Structures are given as C-alpha cells and as structure tokens.
C-alpha atoms as a PDB file:
ATOM      1  CA  GLN A   1     -47.713  79.547  67.673  1.00  0.00           C
ATOM      2  CA  VAL A   2     -47.250  75.807  68.198  1.00  0.00           C
ATOM      3  CA  ARG A   3     -43.995  75.064  69.962  1.00  0.00           C
ATOM      4  CA  VAL A   4     -42.165  73.358  72.784  1.00  0.00           C
ATOM      5  CA  VAL A   5     -39.216  74.884  74.594  1.00  0.00           C
ATOM      6  CA  GLU A   6     -36.680  72.957  76.630  1.00  0.00           C
ATOM      7  CA  SER A   7     -34.671  74.285  79.542  1.00  0.00           C
ATOM      8  CA  GLY A   8     -32.587  73.048  82.430  1.00  0.00           C
ATOM      9  CA  GLY A   9     -29.495  71.809  80.654  1.00  0.00           C
ATOM     10  CA  GLY A  10     -25.994  72.654  81.755  1.00  0.00           C
ATOM     11  CA  GLN A  11     -22.678  71.239  82.832  1.00  0.00           C
ATOM     12  CA  VAL A  12     -22.409  68.936  85.818  1.00  0.00           C
ATOM     13  CA  GLN A  13     -19.848  66.586  87.278  1.00  0.00           C
ATOM     14  CA  PRO A  14     -20.276  62.808  87.057  1.00  0.00           C
ATOM     15  CA  GLY A  15     -22.765  61.688  89.655  1.00  0.00           C
ATOM     16  CA  GLY A  16     -24.612  64.990  89.479  1.00  0.00           C
ATOM     17  CA  ARG A  17     -28.237  65.655  88.616  1.00  0.00           C
ATOM     18  CA  LEU A  18     -30.282  67.891  86.378  1.00  0.00           C
ATOM     19  CA  ARG A  19     -33.980  68.357  85.711  1.00  0.00           C
ATOM     20  CA  LEU A  20     -34.996  69.250  82.195  1.00  0.00           C
ATOM     21  CA  SER A  21     -38.294  70.976  81.483  1.00  0.00           C
ATOM     22  CA  CYS A  22     -40.312  71.100  78.285  1.00  0.00           C
ATOM     23  CA  VAL A  23     -42.993  73.783  78.097  1.00  0.00           C
ATOM     24  CA  ALA A  24     -45.615  73.444  75.375  1.00  0.00           C
ATOM     25  CA  SER A  25     -47.735  76.202  73.911  1.00  0.00           C
ATOM     26  CA  GLY A  26     -50.185  76.652  71.065  1.00  0.00           C
ATOM     27  CA  PHE A  27     -51.812  73.247  71.417  1.00  0.00           C
ATOM     28  CA  THR A  28     -53.505  71.064  74.035  1.00  0.00           C
ATOM     29  CA  PHE A  29     -50.591  69.405  75.743  1.00  0.00           C
ATOM     30  CA  SER A  30     -52.789  67.101  77.816  1.00  0.00           C
ATOM     31  CA  ASN A  31     -54.065  65.405  74.652  1.00  0.00           C
ATOM     32  CA  VAL A  32     -50.708  64.182  73.405  1.00  0.00           C
ATOM     33  CA  SER A  33     -47.912  61.923  74.469  1.00  0.00           C
ATOM     34  CA  MET A  34     -44.454  63.376  74.866  1.00  0.00           C
ATOM     35  CA  SER A  35     -40.940  62.063  74.736  1.00  0.00           C
ATOM     36  CA  TRP A  36     -37.346  63.019  75.393  1.00  0.00           C
ATOM     37  CA  HIS A  37     -34.566  62.259  72.946  1.00  0.00           C
ATOM     38  CA  ARG A  38     -30.865  62.907  72.887  1.00  0.00           C
ATOM     39  CA  GLN A  39     -28.168  63.204  70.301  1.00  0.00           C
ATOM     40  CA  ALA A  40     -24.460  63.167  70.993  1.00  0.00           C
ATOM     41  CA  PRO A  41     -21.936  64.504  68.459  1.00  0.00           C
ATOM     42  CA  GLY A  42     -21.425  62.027  65.636  1.00  0.00           C
ATOM     43  CA  LYS A  43     -24.148  59.709  66.890  1.00  0.00           C
ATOM     44  CA  GLU A  44     -27.753  59.044  65.967  1.00  0.00           C
ATOM     45  CA  ARG A  45     -30.608  60.459  67.970  1.00  0.00           C
ATOM     46  CA  GLN A  46     -31.832  58.154  70.718  1.00  0.00           C
ATOM     47  CA  LEU A  47     -35.211  57.885  72.397  1.00  0.00           C
ATOM     48  CA  VAL A  48     -34.574  58.330  76.119  1.00  0.00           C
ATOM     49  CA  ALA A  49     -38.045  58.284  77.653  1.00  0.00           C
ATOM     50  CA  ALA A  50     -41.703  58.705  76.786  1.00  0.00           C
ATOM     51  CA  ILE A  51     -44.929  59.232  78.667  1.00  0.00           C
ATOM     52  CA  ALA A  52     -48.556  58.890  77.624  1.00  0.00           C
ATOM     53  CA  ALA A  53     -50.976  61.810  77.587  1.00  0.00           C
ATOM     54  CA  VAL A  54     -52.887  60.446  80.552  1.00  0.00           C
ATOM     55  CA  GLY A  55     -52.737  57.348  82.678  1.00  0.00           C
ATOM     56  CA  GLY A  56     -49.058  57.518  83.462  1.00  0.00           C
ATOM     57  CA  THR A  57     -47.779  54.875  81.065  1.00  0.00           C
ATOM     58  CA  ARG A  58     -44.030  55.420  80.728  1.00  0.00           C
ATOM     59  CA  TYR A  59     -41.112  54.095  78.742  1.00  0.00           C
ATOM     60  CA  ILE A  60     -37.512  54.462  79.910  1.00  0.00           C
ATOM     61  CA  ALA A  61     -34.606  53.331  77.755  1.00  0.00           C
ATOM     62  CA  ASP A  62     -32.461  50.626  79.278  1.00  0.00           C
ATOM     63  CA  PHE A  63     -29.345  52.776  79.146  1.00  0.00           C
ATOM     64  CA  VAL A  64     -30.863  55.294  81.607  1.00  0.00           C
ATOM     65  CA  LYS A  65     -33.224  53.053  83.544  1.00  0.00           C
ATOM     66  CA  GLY A  66     -32.876  53.537  87.283  1.00  0.00           C
ATOM     67  CA  ARG A  67     -31.278  56.968  86.811  1.00  0.00           C
ATOM     68  CA  PHE A  68     -33.750  59.017  84.733  1.00  0.00           C
ATOM     69  CA  THR A  69     -37.443  59.635  85.373  1.00  0.00           C
ATOM     70  CA  ILE A  70     -39.997  61.177  83.031  1.00  0.00           C
ATOM     71  CA  SER A  71     -43.051  63.014  84.289  1.00  0.00           C
ATOM     72  CA  ARG A  72     -45.528  65.656  83.230  1.00  0.00           C
ATOM     73  CA  ASP A  73     -47.826  68.265  84.683  1.00  0.00           C
ATOM     74  CA  ASN A  74     -50.670  68.781  82.245  1.00  0.00           C
ATOM     75  CA  SER A  75     -51.979  71.728  84.262  1.00  0.00           C
ATOM     76  CA  LYS A  76     -48.737  73.523  83.399  1.00  0.00           C
ATOM     77  CA  SER A  77     -48.360  72.092  79.879  1.00  0.00           C
ATOM     78  CA  THR A  78     -44.934  70.966  80.983  1.00  0.00           C
ATOM     79  CA  GLY A  79     -42.967  67.758  80.815  1.00  0.00           C
ATOM     80  CA  TYR A  80     -39.893  66.880  82.821  1.00  0.00           C
ATOM     81  CA  LEU A  81     -36.873  64.637  82.681  1.00  0.00           C
ATOM     82  CA  GLN A  82     -35.182  64.109  86.025  1.00  0.00           C
ATOM     83  CA  MET A  83     -31.650  62.906  85.482  1.00  0.00           C
ATOM     84  CA  ASN A  84     -29.695  61.518  88.426  1.00  0.00           C
ATOM     85  CA  ASN A  85     -26.267  59.934  88.709  1.00  0.00           C
ATOM     86  CA  LEU A  86     -25.228  61.457  85.418  1.00  0.00           C
ATOM     87  CA  LYS A  87     -22.363  59.895  83.497  1.00  0.00           C
ATOM     88  CA  PRO A  88     -20.035  61.364  80.865  1.00  0.00           C
ATOM     89  CA  GLU A  89     -21.783  59.222  78.247  1.00  0.00           C
ATOM     90  CA  ASP A  90     -25.014  61.118  78.970  1.00  0.00           C
ATOM     91  CA  THR A  91     -23.477  64.203  77.349  1.00  0.00           C
ATOM     92  CA  ALA A  92     -25.737  65.208  74.460  1.00  0.00           C
ATOM     93  CA  VAL A  93     -28.326  67.671  73.249  1.00  0.00           C
ATOM     94  CA  TYR A  94     -31.641  66.703  74.798  1.00  0.00           C
ATOM     95  CA  SER A  95     -34.826  67.495  72.909  1.00  0.00           C
ATOM     96  CA  CYS A  96     -38.460  66.994  73.731  1.00  0.00           C
ATOM     97  CA  GLN A  97     -41.261  66.077  71.386  1.00  0.00           C
ATOM     98  CA  ALA A  98     -44.961  66.484  72.081  1.00  0.00           C
ATOM     99  CA  GLY A  99     -47.686  65.791  69.558  1.00  0.00           C
ATOM    100  CA  GLY A 100     -45.159  65.852  66.729  1.00  0.00           C
ATOM    101  CA  VAL A 101     -43.764  69.207  67.758  1.00  0.00           C
ATOM    102  CA  TRP A 102     -40.022  69.311  68.451  1.00  0.00           C
ATOM    103  CA  GLY A 103     -38.023  71.740  70.494  1.00  0.00           C
ATOM    104  CA  GLN A 104     -34.591  73.123  69.742  1.00  0.00           C
ATOM    105  CA  GLY A 105     -32.926  71.150  72.476  1.00  0.00           C
ATOM    106  CA  THR A 106     -30.824  71.872  75.536  1.00  0.00           C
ATOM    107  CA  GLN A 107     -27.198  70.891  76.001  1.00  0.00           C
ATOM    108  CA  VAL A 108     -26.243  68.550  78.823  1.00  0.00           C
ATOM    109  CA  THR A 109     -22.536  68.114  79.495  1.00  0.00           C
ATOM    110  CA  VAL A 110     -21.229  65.722  82.118  1.00  0.00           C
ATOM    111  CA  SER A 111     -17.553  66.138  82.861  1.00  0.00           C
ATOM    112  CA  SER A 112     -15.151  66.625  85.715  1.00  0.00           C
END
C-alpha cells in the first residue's frame, strides 16, 4: 500500500519546538522529492518546505525561514520538519507529500 504517515504534532507554548516525521511506505522514497504543507482553519494550504530526492536542495518558505528546517533520511524512508521558536500563527494541520502521495496530516497547536 502506497502511503505516507505523519507524526509528531501536538500542543506547545510559543517559543517551543516540535519535530514532525513523515514515514513513507509502498514506494521508493529515495527517488522522489518531498514537501511539508500546512493549512490553518479558514485559510488556504501553504507550502512550508521542500527537499529534493538527493543532493540536499531545499526550499523554505519565507514565513518560517530561520525557524524551520527540512531534512530526510532515505535509509529510513522518512522525512522531517524541525520547528523551532514556534508562534501562534504556526497553528495548523501539517501534511507531508512525497512523490504525489499525501498523508492525513498532524495537528500543531501553539498557544499559551
């Protein structure tokens, strides 16, 4: 079965950190690029970060640059989104996409 599954979301206080994981199965993860997206209630989905299959080429959206980092471990078929210095405006459902396959998402809530 082709799928990706996100984990690592939760509720944190402003300034806190979380690391999201995206585990792929049913296809060759190392052959495809992957990306993280988020969608807050009532807002459109945003591309947060993306990383190439190999070579390390990365994209980070300006609104999280300097706070979020995207990485991947192809040996584990897993991608990551390290989120530091979280802000209330980062509250959203975060989803990963790899090779056109989308996960269900994981909720991130930043509040005091």
